[in-house]
Structure formats: C-alpha cells, structure tokens
Protein backbone atom coordinates (compact mmCIF):
# COMPACT_ATOMS: atom_id res chain seq x y z
CA MET A 1 -22.85 5.88 16.41
CA GLN A 2 -24.28 8.54 15.34
CA ALA A 3 -25.96 9.74 18.65
CA LEU A 4 -22.09 10.08 19.89
CA LEU A 5 -21.40 12.36 17.45
CA ASP A 6 -24.72 14.34 17.74
CA ALA A 7 -23.54 14.78 21.46
CA ILE A 8 -20.26 16.04 20.50
CA ALA A 9 -21.61 18.20 18.51
CA THR A 10 -23.68 20.08 21.18
CA MET A 11 -21.73 19.40 24.70
CA ASP A 12 -19.27 21.94 26.60
CA LEU A 13 -16.07 21.21 28.39
CA PRO A 14 -16.34 20.66 32.19
CA THR A 15 -13.58 22.03 34.18
CA ASP A 16 -14.43 19.19 36.40
CA ALA A 17 -14.32 15.33 35.94
CA GLN A 18 -17.71 14.01 34.93
CA ARG A 19 -19.01 11.76 32.25
CA LEU A 20 -20.30 13.26 29.09
CA PHE A 21 -21.92 10.38 26.98
CA HIS A 22 -23.20 7.45 28.62
CA GLY A 23 -24.05 4.69 26.01
CA ARG A 24 -23.49 2.03 28.76
CA GLY A 25 -27.18 3.43 29.93
CA GLY A 26 -28.99 1.75 27.02
CA LEU A 27 -30.76 5.41 26.24
CA PHE A 28 -28.91 5.25 22.79
CA PRO A 29 -29.50 2.40 20.65
CA GLY A 30 -26.43 1.34 18.76
CA CYS A 31 -24.18 3.20 21.69
CA GLU A 32 -24.32 0.77 24.36
CA HIS A 33 -20.81 -0.16 24.00
CA LEU A 34 -19.29 3.64 24.12
CA ALA A 35 -18.73 6.04 27.13
CA LEU A 36 -17.01 9.61 26.89
CA ASP A 37 -15.71 10.83 29.74
CA ALA A 38 -13.86 14.03 30.70
CA PHE A 39 -10.56 13.69 32.98
CA PRO A 40 -9.76 17.65 32.29
CA PRO A 41 -7.83 18.91 29.85
CA VAL A 42 -8.24 15.45 28.11
CA LEU A 43 -11.09 13.36 27.06
CA LEU A 44 -11.48 9.66 27.45
CA LEU A 45 -13.50 7.50 24.57
CA THR A 46 -13.98 4.46 26.44
CA ALA A 47 -15.78 1.35 24.15
CA PHE A 48 -16.14 -2.05 25.02
CA LYS A 49 -15.63 -3.45 21.67
CA PRO A 50 -13.15 -2.41 18.74
CA LEU A 51 -13.96 0.56 17.15
CA ASP A 52 -12.25 0.37 13.40
CA GLU A 53 -10.04 3.24 12.39
CA ALA A 54 -13.20 5.17 10.16
CA ALA A 55 -15.21 5.59 13.17
CA LEU A 56 -11.65 6.61 15.23
CA ALA A 57 -12.03 9.20 12.52
CA ALA A 58 -15.24 10.47 12.69
CA VAL A 59 -15.24 10.59 16.27
CA GLY A 60 -12.04 12.62 16.28
CA GLN A 61 -13.12 14.65 13.35
CA ALA A 62 -16.39 15.50 15.73
CA LEU A 63 -14.30 16.78 18.55
CA THR A 64 -11.74 18.53 16.70
CA SER A 65 -14.90 20.72 15.02
CA ARG A 66 -16.31 21.17 18.29
CA PHE A 67 -12.88 22.06 20.43
CA GLY A 68 -10.35 22.61 18.01
CA ASP A 69 -6.99 20.55 17.31
CA ALA A 70 -5.70 21.86 20.80
CA LEU A 71 -8.12 19.10 22.66
CA ALA A 72 -6.65 15.83 24.12
CA TRP A 73 -8.09 12.58 24.11
CA VAL A 74 -7.77 9.21 24.29
CA TYR A 75 -9.10 5.98 23.20
CA GLN A 76 -9.82 2.80 25.26
CA CYS A 77 -11.06 -0.02 24.08
CA ARG A 78 -11.76 -3.31 26.77
CA GLY A 79 -12.41 -6.52 26.13
CA GLU A 80 -11.70 -8.21 22.80
CA GLY A 81 -8.90 -6.22 21.10
CA ALA A 82 -7.86 -4.25 24.42
CA GLU A 83 -5.56 -1.31 23.79
CA THR A 84 -5.41 2.08 25.31
CA ARG A 85 -3.43 4.97 22.94
CA ILE A 86 -3.09 8.21 22.53
CA MET A 87 -5.21 9.93 20.03
CA ALA A 88 -4.48 13.58 20.04
CA GLY A 89 -2.72 15.92 22.32
CA ALA A 90 -0.86 15.18 25.65
CA VAL A 91 -1.94 13.44 28.92
CA PRO A 92 -0.54 15.83 32.07
CA GLU A 93 1.70 13.53 34.18
CA PRO A 94 0.92 14.44 37.05
CA HIS A 95 -2.85 14.55 35.81
CA VAL A 96 -4.75 15.80 38.63
CA VAL A 97 -8.30 16.55 38.51
CA THR A 98 -11.34 18.06 40.57
CA GLU A 99 -14.64 17.11 41.66
CA ALA A 100 -16.66 19.50 43.73
CA GLY A 101 -13.33 21.52 45.02
CA THR A 102 -11.54 18.44 45.78
CA ARG A 103 -8.40 17.27 43.80
CA TYR A 104 -7.92 13.71 42.35
CA VAL A 105 -5.17 12.39 40.60
CA VAL A 106 -5.70 9.96 37.64
CA HIS A 107 -3.76 7.76 35.00
CA LEU A 108 -5.70 7.46 31.71
CA LEU A 109 -3.21 5.55 30.70
CA ARG A 110 -2.59 2.53 33.01
CA GLY A 111 -5.22 -0.17 32.93
CA GLN A 112 -9.14 0.07 33.14
CA ASN A 113 -8.96 1.90 36.63
CA HIS A 114 -8.16 4.99 36.26
CA GLY A 115 -8.05 6.51 40.20
CA LEU A 116 -11.76 8.19 40.28
CA PHE A 117 -15.21 6.22 39.28
CA LEU A 118 -17.32 8.95 37.79
CA ASP A 119 -20.38 7.53 38.76
CA MET A 120 -19.62 7.49 42.37
CA ALA A 121 -20.07 11.42 42.27
CA SER A 122 -23.05 11.53 44.22
CA GLY A 123 -21.74 9.14 46.73
CA ARG A 124 -19.11 11.44 47.84
CA CYS A 125 -21.54 14.22 48.16
CA TRP A 126 -23.70 12.00 50.01
CA VAL A 127 -20.81 11.42 52.82
CA ARG A 128 -19.91 15.07 52.59
CA GLU A 129 -23.46 16.06 53.81
CA HIS A 130 -23.43 13.38 56.35
CA VAL A 131 -20.53 12.99 57.91
CA LYS A 132 -20.34 14.82 61.51
CA PRO A 133 -17.35 16.61 62.56
CA GLY A 134 -15.36 14.73 65.16
CA ALA A 135 -16.93 11.58 63.13
CA LYS A 136 -15.30 8.19 62.81
CA VAL A 137 -15.04 6.05 59.60
CA LEU A 138 -13.94 3.14 58.06
CA ASN A 139 -13.67 3.35 54.60
CA LEU A 140 -13.42 -0.78 52.95
CA PHE A 141 -12.59 -1.39 49.69
CA ALA A 142 -11.04 2.04 49.62
CA TYR A 143 -9.24 1.83 46.45
CA SER A 144 -7.38 5.44 45.93
CA CYS A 145 -9.30 6.57 49.24
CA ALA A 146 -11.90 9.52 47.84
CA PHE A 147 -14.55 8.86 50.47
CA SER A 148 -11.75 9.14 52.77
CA VAL A 149 -10.72 12.75 51.38
CA VAL A 150 -14.18 13.82 51.24
CA ALA A 151 -15.00 13.24 55.05
CA LEU A 152 -11.82 14.49 56.00
CA GLN A 153 -12.81 17.90 54.44
CA ALA A 154 -16.45 17.29 56.01
CA GLY A 155 -14.76 17.44 59.52
CA ALA A 156 -14.51 13.59 60.34
CA ALA A 157 -11.68 12.99 63.03
CA GLU A 158 -10.18 9.78 61.40
CA VAL A 159 -10.88 7.60 58.66
CA VAL A 160 -9.52 3.95 58.15
CA ASN A 161 -8.89 2.84 54.66
CA VAL A 162 -8.46 -0.51 54.11
CA ASP A 163 -7.81 -2.29 50.50
CA MET A 164 -6.26 -5.33 49.44
CA ALA A 165 -4.08 -3.25 46.46
CA SER A 166 -1.17 -1.62 48.31
CA GLY A 167 -0.41 0.57 44.72
CA ALA A 168 -3.92 1.74 45.26
CA LEU A 169 -3.95 2.88 48.64
CA ALA A 170 -0.61 4.93 47.74
CA THR A 171 -2.71 6.50 45.26
CA GLY A 172 -5.14 7.52 48.14
CA ARG A 173 -1.93 8.47 50.43
CA THR A 174 -1.16 11.17 47.18
CA ASN A 175 -5.54 12.36 47.10
CA HIS A 176 -4.91 12.89 50.57
CA GLU A 177 -1.39 15.19 50.35
CA LEU A 178 -3.44 17.32 47.12
CA ASN A 179 -6.03 18.29 49.62
CA GLY A 180 -3.93 19.15 52.77
CA VAL A 181 -5.78 16.57 54.95
CA LYS A 182 -3.32 14.00 55.97
CA THR A 183 -4.01 14.18 59.64
CA GLY A 184 -6.64 11.65 60.81
CA ALA A 185 -6.04 9.17 57.72
CA LYS A 186 -4.60 5.33 58.21
CA PHE A 187 -4.08 2.75 55.39
CA LEU A 188 -3.96 -0.77 56.18
CA ALA A 189 -3.08 -2.93 53.26
CA HIS A 190 -5.28 -5.62 54.74
CA ASP A 191 -7.56 -8.32 53.06
CA ILE A 192 -10.57 -7.33 54.74
CA PHE A 193 -12.22 -10.86 55.59
CA ASN A 194 -9.39 -11.48 57.71
CA SER A 195 -9.18 -8.79 59.34
CA TRP A 196 -12.45 -8.25 60.84
CA SER A 197 -11.04 -8.41 64.88
CA LYS A 198 -8.69 -5.25 64.10
CA LEU A 199 -11.29 -3.50 62.58
CA THR A 200 -14.03 -3.83 64.99
CA ARG A 201 -11.58 -3.29 67.72
CA GLY A 202 -10.86 0.48 66.47
CA GLY A 203 -14.72 0.68 65.97
CA PRO A 204 -17.41 1.72 66.50
CA TYR A 205 -17.68 3.86 63.59
CA ASP A 206 -19.85 6.60 62.85
CA LEU A 207 -19.70 5.50 58.78
CA VAL A 208 -18.85 2.50 57.08
CA VAL A 209 -18.67 3.20 53.61
CA CYS A 210 -18.42 -0.52 51.33
CA ASP A 211 -17.52 0.06 48.05
CA PRO A 212 -16.34 -3.60 46.72
CA PRO A 213 -15.94 -4.69 43.48
CA SER A 214 -18.68 -6.95 41.99
CA PHE A 215 -16.53 -9.61 41.03
CA GLN A 216 -12.64 -9.50 42.04
CA LYS A 217 -11.39 -13.64 41.99
CA GLY A 218 -9.81 -13.81 45.36
CA SER A 219 -10.54 -10.79 46.55
CA PHE A 220 -14.84 -10.14 46.54
CA VAL A 221 -17.55 -11.97 44.82
CA ALA A 222 -20.61 -10.08 45.11
CA THR A 223 -23.31 -13.19 45.15
CA LYS A 224 -21.69 -15.19 48.18
CA ASP A 225 -19.88 -12.31 49.83
CA TYR A 226 -22.11 -9.30 50.35
CA ALA A 227 -23.94 -11.70 52.61
CA ARG A 228 -20.78 -12.14 54.98
CA LEU A 229 -20.05 -8.33 54.74
CA ALA A 230 -23.76 -7.50 56.17
CA ARG A 231 -23.57 -9.60 58.78
CA ARG A 232 -20.29 -7.61 60.44
CA LEU A 233 -21.87 -4.71 60.13
CA PRO A 234 -23.80 -4.16 63.25
CA ALA A 235 -20.42 -4.91 65.67
CA LEU A 236 -18.60 -2.18 63.08
CA LEU A 237 -21.24 0.78 63.78
CA ALA A 238 -21.89 3.18 66.75
CA PRO A 239 -25.71 3.53 67.46
CA GLY A 240 -27.14 5.65 65.41
CA GLY A 241 -24.20 5.10 62.56
CA HIS A 242 -24.78 5.03 58.91
CA ALA A 243 -23.10 2.13 55.97
CA LEU A 244 -23.37 3.20 52.90
CA LEU A 245 -23.43 0.57 50.67
CA CYS A 246 -22.47 0.65 46.70
CA LEU A 247 -22.81 -2.44 43.97
CA ASN A 248 -21.96 -1.65 40.21
CA ALA A 249 -23.26 -5.03 39.20
CA PRO A 250 -25.73 -4.79 36.41
CA GLU A 251 -27.41 -8.78 36.64
CA LEU A 252 -27.61 -8.18 40.71
CA GLY A 253 -30.48 -5.36 41.17
CA GLU A 254 -31.70 -3.48 44.25
CA ALA A 255 -33.42 -6.14 44.98
CA PHE A 256 -30.25 -8.45 45.76
CA LEU A 257 -28.86 -6.06 48.20
CA ARG A 258 -31.59 -4.88 50.10
CA GLU A 259 -32.57 -9.09 50.85
CA ALA A 260 -28.71 -9.50 51.65
CA VAL A 261 -28.82 -6.58 54.43
CA GLU A 262 -32.29 -7.87 55.70
CA ALA A 263 -31.18 -11.48 56.11
CA ASN A 264 -28.45 -11.04 57.91
CA ALA A 265 -28.27 -7.56 59.26
CA PRO A 266 -31.53 -6.73 60.81
CA GLU A 267 -30.34 -3.94 63.08
CA LEU A 268 -29.67 -2.03 60.12
CA SER A 269 -32.33 0.26 58.84
CA PHE A 270 -33.19 1.34 55.28
CA VAL A 271 -32.63 5.06 54.66
CA GLU A 272 -32.73 5.72 50.94
CA ARG A 273 -30.99 4.91 47.44
CA VAL A 274 -28.82 7.89 46.91
CA ALA A 275 -29.88 9.00 43.17
CA ASN A 276 -26.94 8.48 40.54
CA PRO A 277 -25.44 11.63 38.92
CA ALA A 278 -28.05 12.61 35.68
CA ALA A 279 -24.81 11.83 33.26
CA PHE A 280 -25.38 8.38 33.99
CA GLN A 281 -29.07 7.94 33.80
CA ASP A 282 -30.52 4.32 32.88
CA VAL A 283 -33.19 2.40 31.18
CA SER A 284 -33.22 0.51 34.13
CA GLU A 285 -32.79 1.41 37.65
CA ASP A 286 -31.82 -2.04 38.69
CA ARG A 287 -29.21 -2.36 36.30
CA SER A 288 -27.35 0.21 37.18
CA LEU A 289 -25.16 1.60 40.18
CA LYS A 290 -26.82 0.75 43.64
CA VAL A 291 -26.04 2.84 46.30
CA LEU A 292 -28.11 2.37 50.02
CA ALA A 293 -27.77 3.88 53.05
CA TYR A 294 -28.88 2.67 56.45
CA ARG A 295 -28.81 3.06 59.75
CA LEU A 296 -27.84 1.34 63.01
C-alpha cells in the first residue's frame, strides 16, 4: 500500500468533506481495496479487505508524520472481518461537516453509510446550478436528503423526499435544520414502488432526482427495477422538466442506464453525463458512478 503512504506524505487537510485517496478507482495497483476520506476534523480509512496491525501502524505513522499527534482517524473494514474502530483522537458528536458551504451531519461509527456520499458532490452541484426559483422537486431514494437541502438553498419552493428508511429521513430533517431550509421540505417514509399514484398527484415536478441503491433486497435491484422506475418518469415531470438518474454499480455501464431510459421513457432526451469529482478518477468510466441528466 505504498501509494497510499506516498499520497499521505504530500496531502493537505481540507476544510470540506471529500475523498483524499481513491484506490478503488484502480489507478494505484495494489491499493484497490483502500480509500481515505476527510470528514473534518476526522479522517476515515476504509478497507475492503482486512488490514493487519502492521499495515495500520504504517498508516498511523504516516498520518502522524504529516499532520501531528492531534489528528483523529477511524479505520473501517468492510466485508470479511468487518469492524469499525477509532485509531486516534475522538469523533465529535454531533459530527457536522461542510461541502460547498452546506452543512451535513455524519455518523462514521454507525454502519457503512455515513450520511453523505462524497462521490455525489458533482450531482449536488448540478442540482444547485439547475434548480430554478420556485421549482418543485421530487427526491427519490432520498437517504439523508442532501439533494433536497441543496435544491431549497438554490430557490426551490418544494422538495418531496421519499425513502423507506425513516431513520435516514430523520437525519435529513436534521440537515434541513442545520441549513435553515425547513420550509418547503416534505418527508415520506414510503416504498416508492407502492406510492406512484400519490407521488403523481403531488406533481408535476420540475426535477426528479433518482439515486437508488444498486442492489438492496426488498428495496431496489437495478437490473430489474431501473426499467420500472424509468417508465414512471414522464408522468412525474412537467414539460421541460429534468430527471437526474444515478447508478453506482461497477458491473453496469452507462449503456445499461441509457438503454433503460430509451426503452421505457422515450419522451426523455439525454442532456449530459455529470462528471464525477476529480478525486474519484477511475481507470474505467463505465465502472465509476454514473449520473445522467435527462429532459422531458
């Protein structure tokens, strides 16, 4: 994992939450299982296969050499041997981070989803730039409602957040309160596929954001459910309205998503693929996060 240690030796601590080292992108042979993220004032080292104590000690020494003894960092192993532990310092509670001036609460020690997906930063930027004052927005698979916060900051009049997980929506409410944008936000703890009639009656929407899990049993399986989702979009959108469709499945390329839309929602015209943050550069664009914008 020398590439990670070399990167630490020259990196600076950012003030915003962001990825610092993206081994998952395949640009650093031997480090494909590693990622280092900044959730100031804490760094998070994620490993997709266990690291032994010697490797962790090497990372700790590199971090101390670069940033001093006061730095806080957390190690999380996913998959076999899964664990999360504080390696140095302390994690604030509540832990609030910023991105482009917007504040979000995160939870590094609770499971694998921390409250803010850093790879979606460009998608949030796209929403901020394209939402018009007075717009009506539907945020599907809303999770902690980051898209909603940004849309309301950009001038949206109403955002409807839909997610099956009421706990995630509770975090979303906190994010709205942190940013002073409670007015106009709605939170529906619904199964999206059982709620189309209600959502359609609440429309039409100037923007529909879809950021589903790629595979979550009982919720969404991209290979069969993205077609079902695309089929509903024209009835939800106002004329000229946009859909922002996201897919984070390395095994499914851009063509899969574009074909799903073309076959099931031919009324939608492709606008652009939103570029991922530079920190998430990948040897294969098809394996990386796909964020596609469409217009009715």
